[in-house]
C-alpha atoms as a PDB file:
ATOM      1  CA  UNK A   1      -0.076   7.858  36.247  1.00  0.00           C
ATOM      2  CA  UNK A   2       3.403   9.949  35.955  1.00  0.00           C
ATOM      3  CA  UNK A   3       2.225  12.780  33.793  1.00  0.00           C
ATOM      4  CA  UNK A   4       5.454  14.908  34.068  1.00  0.00           C
ATOM      5  CA  UNK A   5       9.042  14.480  34.533  1.00  0.00           C
ATOM      6  CA  UNK A   6      11.056  17.097  36.265  1.00  0.00           C
ATOM      7  CA  UNK A   7      14.769  17.577  35.205  1.00  0.00           C
ATOM      8  CA  UNK A   8      16.920  20.415  35.821  1.00  0.00           C
ATOM      9  CA  UNK A   9      14.609  23.638  35.720  1.00  0.00           C
ATOM     10  CA  UNK A  10      12.226  21.983  33.368  1.00  0.00           C
ATOM     11  CA  UNK A  11       9.100  20.422  33.768  1.00  0.00           C
ATOM     12  CA  UNK A  12       8.164  17.984  31.125  1.00  0.00           C
ATOM     13  CA  UNK A  13       4.610  17.049  30.287  1.00  0.00           C
ATOM     14  CA  UNK A  14       2.270  16.142  27.644  1.00  0.00           C
ATOM     15  CA  UNK A  15       1.946  19.748  25.984  1.00  0.00           C
ATOM     16  CA  UNK A  16       5.308  21.079  26.905  1.00  0.00           C
ATOM     17  CA  UNK A  17       8.246  21.671  24.613  1.00  0.00           C
ATOM     18  CA  UNK A  18      10.294  18.291  24.461  1.00  0.00           C
ATOM     19  CA  UNK A  19      14.029  18.263  26.162  1.00  0.00           C
ATOM     20  CA  UNK A  20      16.543  18.183  23.469  1.00  0.00           C
ATOM     21  CA  UNK A  21      19.812  16.461  24.598  1.00  0.00           C
ATOM     22  CA  UNK A  22      22.983  16.913  22.678  1.00  0.00           C
ATOM     23  CA  UNK A  23      24.832  13.366  23.336  1.00  0.00           C
ATOM     24  CA  UNK A  24      28.593  14.183  23.223  1.00  0.00           C
ATOM     25  CA  UNK A  25      29.525  11.088  24.869  1.00  0.00           C
ATOM     26  CA  UNK A  26      33.074  10.726  24.505  1.00  0.00           C
ATOM     27  CA  UNK A  27      33.115  12.467  20.917  1.00  0.00           C
ATOM     28  CA  UNK A  28      35.779  15.104  22.864  1.00  0.00           C
ATOM     29  CA  UNK A  29      38.350  12.046  22.890  1.00  0.00           C
ATOM     30  CA  UNK A  30      39.383  13.239  26.472  1.00  0.00           C
ATOM     31  CA  UNK A  31      40.345  17.007  25.314  1.00  0.00           C
ATOM     32  CA  UNK A  32      38.595  19.400  27.697  1.00  0.00           C
ATOM     33  CA  UNK A  33      38.976  22.194  25.390  1.00  0.00           C
ATOM     34  CA  UNK A  34      37.406  20.082  22.375  1.00  0.00           C
ATOM     35  CA  UNK A  35      34.605  19.157  24.748  1.00  0.00           C
ATOM     36  CA  UNK A  36      34.010  22.749  25.964  1.00  0.00           C
ATOM     37  CA  UNK A  37      33.680  23.612  22.051  1.00  0.00           C
ATOM     38  CA  UNK A  38      31.142  20.990  21.751  1.00  0.00           C
ATOM     39  CA  UNK A  39      29.071  22.235  24.580  1.00  0.00           C
ATOM     40  CA  UNK A  40      28.920  25.689  23.532  1.00  0.00           C
ATOM     41  CA  UNK A  41      28.400  24.857  19.873  1.00  0.00           C
ATOM     42  CA  UNK A  42      25.282  22.189  20.952  1.00  0.00           C
ATOM     43  CA  UNK A  43      23.829  24.940  23.322  1.00  0.00           C
ATOM     44  CA  UNK A  44      23.982  27.631  20.532  1.00  0.00           C
ATOM     45  CA  UNK A  45      22.406  25.048  18.114  1.00  0.00           C
ATOM     46  CA  UNK A  46      19.258  24.657  20.191  1.00  0.00           C
ATOM     47  CA  UNK A  47      20.216  21.718  22.551  1.00  0.00           C
ATOM     48  CA  UNK A  48      18.356  22.342  26.264  1.00  0.00           C
ATOM     49  CA  UNK A  49      21.239  20.077  27.868  1.00  0.00           C
ATOM     50  CA  UNK A  50      24.464  18.210  27.054  1.00  0.00           C
ATOM     51  CA  UNK A  51      25.419  14.575  27.994  1.00  0.00           C
ATOM     52  CA  UNK A  52      28.715  12.840  28.365  1.00  0.00           C
ATOM     53  CA  UNK A  53      29.756   9.371  29.121  1.00  0.00           C
ATOM     54  CA  UNK A  54      31.958   8.792  32.322  1.00  0.00           C
ATOM     55  CA  UNK A  55      33.535   5.516  32.651  1.00  0.00           C
ATOM     56  CA  UNK A  56      36.410   4.076  34.892  1.00  0.00           C
ATOM     57  CA  UNK A  57      37.746   1.667  32.301  1.00  0.00           C
ATOM     58  CA  UNK A  58      39.405  -0.450  34.780  1.00  0.00           C
ATOM     59  CA  UNK A  59      35.961  -1.385  36.265  1.00  0.00           C
ATOM     60  CA  UNK A  60      34.095  -1.377  33.127  1.00  0.00           C
ATOM     61  CA  UNK A  61      36.211  -3.029  30.223  1.00  0.00           C
ATOM     62  CA  UNK A  62      38.353  -6.077  30.047  1.00  0.00           C
ATOM     63  CA  UNK A  63      41.897  -4.783  29.005  1.00  0.00           C
ATOM     64  CA  UNK A  64      41.757  -7.026  25.898  1.00  0.00           C
ATOM     65  CA  UNK A  65      38.473  -5.180  24.414  1.00  0.00           C
ATOM     66  CA  UNK A  66      38.571  -2.194  21.923  1.00  0.00           C
ATOM     67  CA  UNK A  67      36.039  -0.382  24.104  1.00  0.00           C
ATOM     68  CA  UNK A  68      39.041  -0.345  27.027  1.00  0.00           C
ATOM     69  CA  UNK A  69      41.484   1.270  24.382  1.00  0.00           C
ATOM     70  CA  UNK A  70      38.589   3.690  23.186  1.00  0.00           C
ATOM     71  CA  UNK A  71      37.351   4.988  26.721  1.00  0.00           C
ATOM     72  CA  UNK A  72      41.002   5.140  28.258  1.00  0.00           C
ATOM     73  CA  UNK A  73      41.798   7.798  25.714  1.00  0.00           C
ATOM     74  CA  UNK A  74      38.678   9.637  26.430  1.00  0.00           C
ATOM     75  CA  UNK A  75      38.869  10.036  30.186  1.00  0.00           C
ATOM     76  CA  UNK A  76      38.142  13.442  31.893  1.00  0.00           C
ATOM     77  CA  UNK A  77      39.231  14.034  35.381  1.00  0.00           C
ATOM     78  CA  UNK A  78      36.981  15.549  38.092  1.00  0.00           C
ATOM     79  CA  UNK A  79      38.639  19.000  37.821  1.00  0.00           C
ATOM     80  CA  UNK A  80      37.957  18.930  34.092  1.00  0.00           C
ATOM     81  CA  UNK A  81      34.462  17.951  34.594  1.00  0.00           C
ATOM     82  CA  UNK A  82      33.851  20.735  37.227  1.00  0.00           C
ATOM     83  CA  UNK A  83      35.163  23.250  34.594  1.00  0.00           C
ATOM     84  CA  UNK A  84      32.717  22.018  32.066  1.00  0.00           C
ATOM     85  CA  UNK A  85      29.769  21.868  34.134  1.00  0.00           C
ATOM     86  CA  UNK A  86      30.528  25.622  35.219  1.00  0.00           C
ATOM     87  CA  UNK A  87      30.990  26.642  31.395  1.00  0.00           C
ATOM     88  CA  UNK A  88      27.678  24.696  30.790  1.00  0.00           C
ATOM     89  CA  UNK A  89      25.506  26.497  33.513  1.00  0.00           C
ATOM     90  CA  UNK A  90      27.476  29.972  32.737  1.00  0.00           C
ATOM     91  CA  UNK A  91      25.729  29.643  29.175  1.00  0.00           C
ATOM     92  CA  UNK A  92      22.322  28.432  30.459  1.00  0.00           C
ATOM     93  CA  UNK A  93      22.585  24.837  29.612  1.00  0.00           C
ATOM     94  CA  UNK A  94      22.823  21.593  31.867  1.00  0.00           C
ATOM     95  CA  UNK A  95      25.326  18.999  31.708  1.00  0.00           C
ATOM     96  CA  UNK A  96      24.710  15.444  32.909  1.00  0.00           C
ATOM     97  CA  UNK A  97      26.361  12.153  32.119  1.00  0.00           C
ATOM     98  CA  UNK A  98      25.968   8.320  31.949  1.00  0.00           C
ATOM     99  CA  UNK A  99      27.955   6.550  34.610  1.00  0.00           C
ATOM    100  CA  UNK A 100      29.422   3.413  33.302  1.00  0.00           C
ATOM    101  CA  UNK A 101      30.046   2.046  36.649  1.00  0.00           C
ATOM    102  CA  UNK A 102      29.617   2.721  40.498  1.00  0.00           C
ATOM    103  CA  UNK A 103      33.087   4.529  40.754  1.00  0.00           C
ATOM    104  CA  UNK A 104      32.022   6.876  37.880  1.00  0.00           C
ATOM    105  CA  UNK A 105      28.552   7.270  39.869  1.00  0.00           C
ATOM    106  CA  UNK A 106      30.428   8.239  42.886  1.00  0.00           C
ATOM    107  CA  UNK A 107      32.523  10.747  41.183  1.00  0.00           C
ATOM    108  CA  UNK A 108      29.413  12.301  39.458  1.00  0.00           C
ATOM    109  CA  UNK A 109      27.758  12.687  42.745  1.00  0.00           C
ATOM    110  CA  UNK A 110      30.527  14.508  44.025  1.00  0.00           C
ATOM    111  CA  UNK A 111      29.794  16.764  41.295  1.00  0.00           C
ATOM    112  CA  UNK A 112      26.435  17.437  42.298  1.00  0.00           C
ATOM    113  CA  UNK A 113      25.132  16.094  38.823  1.00  0.00           C
ATOM    114  CA  UNK A 114      21.355  16.942  38.797  1.00  0.00           C
ATOM    115  CA  UNK A 115      20.381  13.673  36.534  1.00  0.00           C
ATOM    116  CA  UNK A 116      21.637  10.491  35.155  1.00  0.00           C
ATOM    117  CA  UNK A 117      21.432   8.625  32.061  1.00  0.00           C
ATOM    118  CA  UNK A 118      21.255   4.929  32.223  1.00  0.00           C
ATOM    119  CA  UNK A 119      22.462   3.812  28.726  1.00  0.00           C
ATOM    120  CA  UNK A 120      20.891   0.855  26.740  1.00  0.00           C
ATOM    121  CA  UNK A 121      24.328  -1.185  27.469  1.00  0.00           C
ATOM    122  CA  UNK A 122      23.745  -0.633  31.041  1.00  0.00           C
ATOM    123  CA  UNK A 123      20.251  -1.972  31.249  1.00  0.00           C
ATOM    124  CA  UNK A 124      21.267  -5.240  32.437  1.00  0.00           C
ATOM    125  CA  UNK A 125      23.572  -4.018  35.178  1.00  0.00           C
ATOM    126  CA  UNK A 126      21.213  -4.189  38.063  1.00  0.00           C
ATOM    127  CA  UNK A 127      23.630  -3.123  40.760  1.00  0.00           C
ATOM    128  CA  UNK A 128      24.323   0.088  38.957  1.00  0.00           C
ATOM    129  CA  UNK A 129      20.748   1.003  38.530  1.00  0.00           C
ATOM    130  CA  UNK A 130      19.996   0.155  42.206  1.00  0.00           C
ATOM    131  CA  UNK A 131      22.723   2.629  43.114  1.00  0.00           C
ATOM    132  CA  UNK A 132      21.698   5.354  40.791  1.00  0.00           C
ATOM    133  CA  UNK A 133      18.268   4.849  42.179  1.00  0.00           C
ATOM    134  CA  UNK A 134      19.452   5.743  45.838  1.00  0.00           C
ATOM    135  CA  UNK A 135      20.464   9.323  44.597  1.00  0.00           C
ATOM    136  CA  UNK A 136      17.006  10.403  44.142  1.00  0.00           C
ATOM    137  CA  UNK A 137      18.056  12.366  41.112  1.00  0.00           C
ATOM    138  CA  UNK A 138      15.682  12.168  37.912  1.00  0.00           C
ATOM    139  CA  UNK A 139      16.794   9.046  35.782  1.00  0.00           C
ATOM    140  CA  UNK A 140      16.755   8.828  31.806  1.00  0.00           C
ATOM    141  CA  UNK A 141      16.866   5.123  30.719  1.00  0.00           C
ATOM    142  CA  UNK A 142      17.478   3.914  27.187  1.00  0.00           C
ATOM    143  CA  UNK A 143      15.886   0.757  26.158  1.00  0.00           C
ATOM    144  CA  UNK A 144      18.137  -0.275  23.015  1.00  0.00           C
ATOM    145  CA  UNK A 145      18.208  -3.966  22.462  1.00  0.00           C
ATOM    146  CA  UNK A 146      15.756  -4.658  25.378  1.00  0.00           C
ATOM    147  CA  UNK A 147      12.820  -6.933  25.543  1.00  0.00           C
ATOM    148  CA  UNK A 148       9.905  -5.697  27.805  1.00  0.00           C
ATOM    149  CA  UNK A 149      11.175  -8.272  30.474  1.00  0.00           C
ATOM    150  CA  UNK A 150      14.377  -6.330  30.426  1.00  0.00           C
ATOM    151  CA  UNK A 151      12.616  -3.306  30.834  1.00  0.00           C
ATOM    152  CA  UNK A 152      10.456  -4.640  33.745  1.00  0.00           C
ATOM    153  CA  UNK A 153      13.588  -5.939  35.494  1.00  0.00           C
ATOM    154  CA  UNK A 154      15.370  -2.904  35.196  1.00  0.00           C
ATOM    155  CA  UNK A 155      12.566  -0.755  36.400  1.00  0.00           C
ATOM    156  CA  UNK A 156      11.974  -3.332  39.469  1.00  0.00           C
ATOM    157  CA  UNK A 157      15.510  -2.378  40.573  1.00  0.00           C
ATOM    158  CA  UNK A 158      14.666   1.573  41.192  1.00  0.00           C
ATOM    159  CA  UNK A 159      13.665   2.130  44.809  1.00  0.00           C
ATOM    160  CA  UNK A 160      10.437   4.247  45.284  1.00  0.00           C
ATOM    161  CA  UNK A 161       9.825   3.760  41.585  1.00  0.00           C
ATOM    162  CA  UNK A 162       6.515   5.620  41.870  1.00  0.00           C
ATOM    163  CA  UNK A 163       7.993   8.598  43.469  1.00  0.00           C
ATOM    164  CA  UNK A 164      11.052   8.413  41.231  1.00  0.00           C
ATOM    165  CA  UNK A 165      11.311  11.087  38.238  1.00  0.00           C
ATOM    166  CA  UNK A 166      12.123   8.714  35.511  1.00  0.00           C
ATOM    167  CA  UNK A 167      11.682   8.765  31.823  1.00  0.00           C
ATOM    168  CA  UNK A 168      12.305   5.974  29.071  1.00  0.00           C
ATOM    169  CA  UNK A 169      13.919   6.435  25.821  1.00  0.00           C
ATOM    170  CA  UNK A 170      13.103   4.285  23.169  1.00  0.00           C
ATOM    171  CA  UNK A 171      16.497   3.393  20.898  1.00  0.00           C
ATOM    172  CA  UNK A 172      17.570   0.969  18.373  1.00  0.00           C
ATOM    173  CA  UNK A 173      21.178   0.220  18.849  1.00  0.00           C
ATOM    174  CA  UNK A 174      22.361  -0.086  15.557  1.00  0.00           C
ATOM    175  CA  UNK A 175      24.772   2.436  14.179  1.00  0.00           C
ATOM    176  CA  UNK A 176      23.371   3.607  12.009  1.00  0.00           C
ATOM    177  CA  UNK A 177      19.925   2.414  12.169  1.00  0.00           C
ATOM    178  CA  UNK A 178      18.053   2.084   8.826  1.00  0.00           C
ATOM    179  CA  UNK A 179      14.421   3.619   8.679  1.00  0.00           C
ATOM    180  CA  UNK A 180      12.641   0.069   8.815  1.00  0.00           C
ATOM    181  CA  UNK A 181      14.483  -0.752  12.165  1.00  0.00           C
ATOM    182  CA  UNK A 182      13.150   2.297  14.024  1.00  0.00           C
ATOM    183  CA  UNK A 183       9.599   1.426  15.083  1.00  0.00           C
ATOM    184  CA  UNK A 184       8.700   4.818  16.393  1.00  0.00           C
ATOM    185  CA  UNK A 185       5.292   3.675  17.544  1.00  0.00           C
ATOM    186  CA  UNK A 186       6.822   2.039  20.593  1.00  0.00           C
ATOM    187  CA  UNK A 187       7.423   5.513  22.008  1.00  0.00           C
ATOM    188  CA  UNK A 188       3.921   5.856  22.944  1.00  0.00           C
ATOM    189  CA  UNK A 189       3.687   2.071  23.839  1.00  0.00           C
ATOM    190  CA  UNK A 190       6.373   2.887  26.418  1.00  0.00           C
ATOM    191  CA  UNK A 191       4.589   5.503  27.836  1.00  0.00           C
ATOM    192  CA  UNK A 192       1.235   4.036  27.998  1.00  0.00           C
ATOM    193  CA  UNK A 193       2.653   0.576  29.372  1.00  0.00           C
ATOM    194  CA  UNK A 194       4.852   1.964  32.060  1.00  0.00           C
ATOM    195  CA  UNK A 195       2.930   5.289  32.831  1.00  0.00           C
ATOM    196  CA  UNK A 196       5.990   7.741  32.354  1.00  0.00           C
ATOM    197  CA  UNK A 197       7.178  10.559  30.095  1.00  0.00           C
ATOM    198  CA  UNK A 198       8.809   8.535  26.983  1.00  0.00           C
ATOM    199  CA  UNK A 199      11.505   9.763  24.378  1.00  0.00           C
ATOM    200  CA  UNK A 200      13.620   8.845  21.482  1.00  0.00           C
ATOM    201  CA  UNK A 201      17.339   8.340  21.485  1.00  0.00           C
ATOM    202  CA  UNK A 202      18.429   8.354  17.872  1.00  0.00           C
ATOM    203  CA  UNK A 203      21.045   6.599  15.838  1.00  0.00           C
ATOM    204  CA  UNK A 204      19.783   7.158  12.351  1.00  0.00           C
ATOM    205  CA  UNK A 205      21.387   9.605   9.761  1.00  0.00           C
ATOM    206  CA  UNK A 206      19.676  12.788   9.569  1.00  0.00           C
ATOM    207  CA  UNK A 207      17.075  14.833  11.455  1.00  0.00           C
ATOM    208  CA  UNK A 208      13.833  12.897  10.017  1.00  0.00           C
ATOM    209  CA  UNK A 209      13.514  10.148  12.645  1.00  0.00           C
ATOM    210  CA  UNK A 210      13.680  12.686  15.618  1.00  0.00           C
ATOM    211  CA  UNK A 211      11.080  15.206  14.081  1.00  0.00           C
ATOM    212  CA  UNK A 212       9.104  11.907  13.443  1.00  0.00           C
ATOM    213  CA  UNK A 213       9.397  10.837  16.994  1.00  0.00           C
ATOM    214  CA  UNK A 214       8.077  14.286  18.327  1.00  0.00           C
ATOM    215  CA  UNK A 215       5.066  13.607  16.033  1.00  0.00           C
ATOM    216  CA  UNK A 216       4.914  10.202  17.546  1.00  0.00           C
ATOM    217  CA  UNK A 217       4.774  11.477  21.165  1.00  0.00           C
ATOM    218  CA  UNK A 218       8.561  11.812  22.042  1.00  0.00           C
ATOM    219  CA  UNK A 219       8.951  14.359  24.740  1.00  0.00           C
ATOM    220  CA  UNK A 220      12.531  13.777  25.048  1.00  0.00           C
ATOM    221  CA  UNK A 221      15.052  13.623  22.240  1.00  0.00           C
ATOM    222  CA  UNK A 222      18.767  12.626  22.347  1.00  0.00           C
ATOM    223  CA  UNK A 223      21.008  13.010  19.341  1.00  0.00           C
ATOM    224  CA  UNK A 224      24.540  12.292  18.721  1.00  0.00           C
ATOM    225  CA  UNK A 225      26.650  15.665  18.373  1.00  0.00           C
ATOM    226  CA  UNK A 226      29.906  16.744  17.041  1.00  0.00           C
ATOM    227  CA  UNK A 227      31.592  20.043  15.967  1.00  0.00           C
ATOM    228  CA  UNK A 228      33.261  18.379  13.101  1.00  0.00           C
ATOM    229  CA  UNK A 229      32.346  14.829  11.391  1.00  0.00           C
ATOM    230  CA  UNK A 230      35.960  14.382  10.164  1.00  0.00           C
ATOM    231  CA  UNK A 231      37.298  13.886  13.860  1.00  0.00           C
ATOM    232  CA  UNK A 232      38.489  10.513  13.955  1.00  0.00           C
ATOM    233  CA  UNK A 233      37.473   8.196  16.828  1.00  0.00           C
ATOM    234  CA  UNK A 234      34.341   7.612  18.951  1.00  0.00           C
ATOM    235  CA  UNK A 235      31.112   8.641  17.084  1.00  0.00           C
ATOM    236  CA  UNK A 236      32.144  11.671  15.360  1.00  0.00           C
ATOM    237  CA  UNK A 237      31.584  10.299  11.885  1.00  0.00           C
ATOM    238  CA  UNK A 238      27.954   9.301  12.542  1.00  0.00           C
ATOM    239  CA  UNK A 239      27.029  12.257  14.720  1.00  0.00           C
ATOM    240  CA  UNK A 240      25.232  15.350  13.926  1.00  0.00           C
ATOM    241  CA  UNK A 241      27.164  18.518  13.169  1.00  0.00           C
ATOM    242  CA  UNK A 242      26.277  22.081  14.425  1.00  0.00           C
ATOM    243  CA  UNK A 243      24.363  23.345  11.325  1.00  0.00           C
ATOM    244  CA  UNK A 244      22.441  19.933  11.163  1.00  0.00           C
ATOM    245  CA  UNK A 245      21.596  20.072  14.630  1.00  0.00           C
ATOM    246  CA  UNK A 246      20.491  23.527  14.653  1.00  0.00           C
ATOM    247  CA  UNK A 247      18.084  22.808  11.410  1.00  0.00           C
ATOM    248  CA  UNK A 248      16.717  19.752  13.556  1.00  0.00           C
ATOM    249  CA  UNK A 249      15.946  21.703  16.771  1.00  0.00           C
ATOM    250  CA  UNK A 250      14.103  24.196  14.573  1.00  0.00           C
ATOM    251  CA  UNK A 251      12.145  21.555  12.815  1.00  0.00           C
ATOM    252  CA  UNK A 252      11.391  19.980  16.014  1.00  0.00           C
ATOM    253  CA  UNK A 253       9.875  23.168  17.535  1.00  0.00           C
ATOM    254  CA  UNK A 254       8.104  24.062  14.376  1.00  0.00           C
ATOM    255  CA  UNK A 255       6.430  20.184  14.735  1.00  0.00           C
ATOM    256  CA  UNK A 256       5.356  21.105  18.368  1.00  0.00           C
ATOM    257  CA  UNK A 257       3.677  24.331  17.075  1.00  0.00           C
ATOM    258  CA  UNK A 258       1.839  22.098  14.712  1.00  0.00           C
ATOM    259  CA  UNK A 259       0.780  19.601  17.248  1.00  0.00           C
ATOM    260  CA  UNK A 260      -0.405  22.369  19.810  1.00  0.00           C
ATOM    261  CA  UNK A 261      -3.511  21.345  21.705  1.00  0.00           C
ATOM    262  CA  UNK A 262      -5.006  18.270  23.056  1.00  0.00           C
ATOM    263  CA  UNK A 263      -8.646  18.922  21.825  1.00  0.00           C
ATOM    264  CA  UNK A 264      -9.942  19.732  18.549  1.00  0.00           C
ATOM    265  CA  UNK A 265     -11.481  23.443  18.193  1.00  0.00           C
ATOM    266  CA  UNK A 266     -11.098  25.907  15.437  1.00  0.00           C
ATOM    267  CA  UNK A 267      -8.559  28.462  15.845  1.00  0.00           C
ATOM    268  CA  UNK A 268      -9.898  31.859  16.688  1.00  0.00           C
ATOM    269  CA  UNK A 269      -9.181  33.094  12.918  1.00  0.00           C
ATOM    270  CA  UNK A 270     -10.662  29.903  11.462  1.00  0.00           C
ATOM    271  CA  UNK A 271     -13.837  31.216  13.425  1.00  0.00           C
ATOM    272  CA  UNK A 272     -13.716  34.740  12.082  1.00  0.00           C
ATOM    273  CA  UNK A 273     -13.672  33.146   8.425  1.00  0.00           C
ATOM    274  CA  UNK A 274     -17.045  31.358   9.017  1.00  0.00           C
ATOM    275  CA  UNK A 275     -19.170  33.959   7.885  1.00  0.00           C
ATOM    276  CA  UNK A 276     -17.577  34.425   4.741  1.00  0.00           C
ATOM    277  CA  UNK A 277     -16.716  30.733   3.878  1.00  0.00           C
ATOM    278  CA  UNK A 278     -19.763  28.939   4.832  1.00  0.00           C
ATOM    279  CA  UNK A 279     -22.742  28.374   2.543  1.00  0.00           C
ATOM    280  CA  UNK A 280     -25.768  30.664   2.719  1.00  0.00           C
ATOM    281  CA  UNK A 281     -29.329  30.235   1.888  1.00  0.00           C
ATOM    282  CA  UNK A 282     -30.022  32.220  -1.275  1.00  0.00           C
ATOM    283  CA  UNK A 283     -32.533  32.558  -3.832  1.00  0.00           C
ATOM    284  CA  UNK A 284     -31.756  30.670  -6.813  1.00  0.00           C
ATOM    285  CA  UNK A 285     -34.621  32.287  -8.901  1.00  0.00           C
ATOM    286  CA  UNK A 286     -37.009  35.116  -8.188  1.00  0.00           C
ATOM    287  CA  UNK A 287     -39.411  33.772  -5.625  1.00  0.00           C
ATOM    288  CA  UNK A 288     -42.800  35.220  -5.229  1.00  0.00           C
ATOM    289  CA  UNK A 289     -45.011  35.895  -2.385  1.00  0.00           C
ATOM    290  CA  UNK A 290     -46.975  32.601  -1.475  1.00  0.00           C
ATOM    291  CA  UNK A 291     -44.266  30.160  -3.189  1.00  0.00           C
ATOM    292  CA  UNK A 292     -42.953  27.039  -1.245  1.00  0.00           C
ATOM    293  CA  UNK A 293     -39.327  27.394  -0.576  1.00  0.00           C
ATOM    294  CA  UNK A 294     -37.649  24.140  -1.582  1.00  0.00           C
ATOM    295  CA  UNK A 295     -34.451  22.977  -3.342  1.00  0.00           C
ATOM    296  CA  UNK A 296     -35.942  23.625  -6.701  1.00  0.00           C
ATOM    297  CA  UNK A 297     -35.745  27.668  -5.900  1.00  0.00           C
ATOM    298  CA  UNK A 298     -32.745  27.936  -3.779  1.00  0.00           C
ATOM    299  CA  UNK A 299     -29.133  27.788  -3.951  1.00  0.00           C
ATOM    300  CA  UNK A 300     -26.482  27.368  -0.937  1.00  0.00           C
ATOM    301  CA  UNK A 301     -23.885  30.139  -2.004  1.00  0.00           C
ATOM    302  CA  UNK A 302     -20.721  31.880  -0.396  1.00  0.00           C
ATOM    303  CA  UNK A 303     -21.728  35.608  -0.340  1.00  0.00           C
ATOM    304  CA  UNK A 304     -20.380  38.753   0.852  1.00  0.00           C
ATOM    305  CA  UNK A 305     -20.823  38.790   4.793  1.00  0.00           C
ATOM    306  CA  UNK A 306     -24.470  39.687   5.659  1.00  0.00           C
ATOM    307  CA  UNK A 307     -25.361  40.020   9.127  1.00  0.00           C
ATOM    308  CA  UNK A 308     -29.140  38.598   8.346  1.00  0.00           C
ATOM    309  CA  UNK A 309     -27.952  35.532   6.097  1.00  0.00           C
ATOM    310  CA  UNK A 310     -28.421  32.309   7.301  1.00  0.00           C
ATOM    311  CA  UNK A 311     -26.119  29.262   7.048  1.00  0.00           C
ATOM    312  CA  UNK A 312     -27.164  26.084   4.772  1.00  0.00           C
ATOM    313  CA  UNK A 313     -26.926  24.028   7.802  1.00  0.00           C
ATOM    314  CA  UNK A 314     -30.319  25.799   9.165  1.00  0.00           C
ATOM    315  CA  UNK A 315     -32.071  24.616   5.909  1.00  0.00           C
ATOM    316  CA  UNK A 316     -34.739  22.537   7.694  1.00  0.00           C
ATOM    317  CA  UNK A 317     -36.028  25.782   9.120  1.00  0.00           C
ATOM    318  CA  UNK A 318     -36.936  26.839   5.703  1.00  0.00           C
ATOM    319  CA  UNK A 319     -37.570  23.557   3.511  1.00  0.00           C
ATOM    320  CA  UNK A 320     -41.734  23.550   2.633  1.00  0.00           C
ATOM    321  CA  UNK A 321     -42.227  26.951   4.111  1.00  0.00           C
ATOM    322  CA  UNK A 322     -43.991  29.578   2.287  1.00  0.00           C
ATOM    323  CA  UNK A 323     -42.702  32.794   1.318  1.00  0.00           C
ATOM    324  CA  UNK A 324     -44.332  35.987   2.883  1.00  0.00           C
ATOM    325  CA  UNK A 325     -42.977  38.267   0.483  1.00  0.00           C
ATOM    326  CA  UNK A 326     -41.262  38.572  -3.253  1.00  0.00           C
ATOM    327  CA  UNK A 327     -37.730  37.591  -2.964  1.00  0.00           C
ATOM    328  CA  UNK A 328     -35.041  38.590  -5.721  1.00  0.00           C
ATOM    329  CA  UNK A 329     -32.893  36.207  -6.906  1.00  0.00           C
ATOM    330  CA  UNK A 330     -29.318  35.831  -5.444  1.00  0.00           C
ATOM    331  CA  UNK A 331     -31.078  37.580  -2.042  1.00  0.00           C
ATOM    332  CA  UNK A 332     -30.161  35.770   1.318  1.00  0.00           C
ATOM    333  CA  UNK A 333     -33.616  34.035   2.648  1.00  0.00           C
ATOM    334  CA  UNK A 334     -33.844  34.917   6.165  1.00  0.00           C
ATOM    335  CA  UNK A 335     -36.477  33.948   8.856  1.00  0.00           C
ATOM    336  CA  UNK A 336     -38.333  37.525   7.890  1.00  0.00           C
ATOM    337  CA  UNK A 337     -38.726  35.930   4.441  1.00  0.00           C
ATOM    338  CA  UNK A 338     -41.197  32.699   5.504  1.00  0.00           C
ATOM    339  CA  UNK A 339     -44.455  32.440   7.104  1.00  0.00           C
END
């Protein structure tokens, strides 16, 4: 089983903090300075890394489509991408991208991109998946719209699958996705069926789905990001702004603290409370020497810490025994009290 996923300088595993991706996509609208501002804002808000979409529109979209027009107006050239990578790394973050076609993959390879994302819409582009797998870089693959047959087919194209760093993201490719569509239990199913680290790429409104996904086992969270929901174009209106994203990241990290530990045992602070909180065996009335100790003359009470007091869990040691001395009401009954 692949119990971890290595990406950038991080090792993602069962008990590690999850990887939080700010999906900028093409929200920058081809403006490098706007993209820079988004990157810096996302990192400041708590993102571990930022993701773009890199597309050669001539290869990816028919000229008559709306997608052709949108992506044509959002292109970043190689020098601009170099600059953005440098800015990201200077601020202790990582930048990677979804190559929409083989030409874009080749361009990103020239930039020494350290990971690749295969979007839900590219899950059926088997030639592209084959080429991405040849880079030997970590791969994050989204599964929106996909059946398990589609996922099986895509994974079959990855050369040396067992040795490849790969993670699967559950995704619902509806914008925005309603709560009843999300099926967050599928996150754990992906991990169990395909023996990989799994996560969640969110298209719902607000932070709740991402926080719930972490509680459901997601080790990677991807959320659309913008600096201003009023920017016209791309996914800006449906994306999370810096204030919202920062709050979400904080909530995710708090949720991870709550999930700490894979086995159940009391916290050390809880252990220290046992002596004062657990009930002790105490005389419920004045007990005379020779009296039988039974439920009619004892109580199980919380008392101030007494080194000699006995937990109620040890009652079987005392039940039916004779008292070897007089025991005053409210006094702890200890082993020294019985014959």
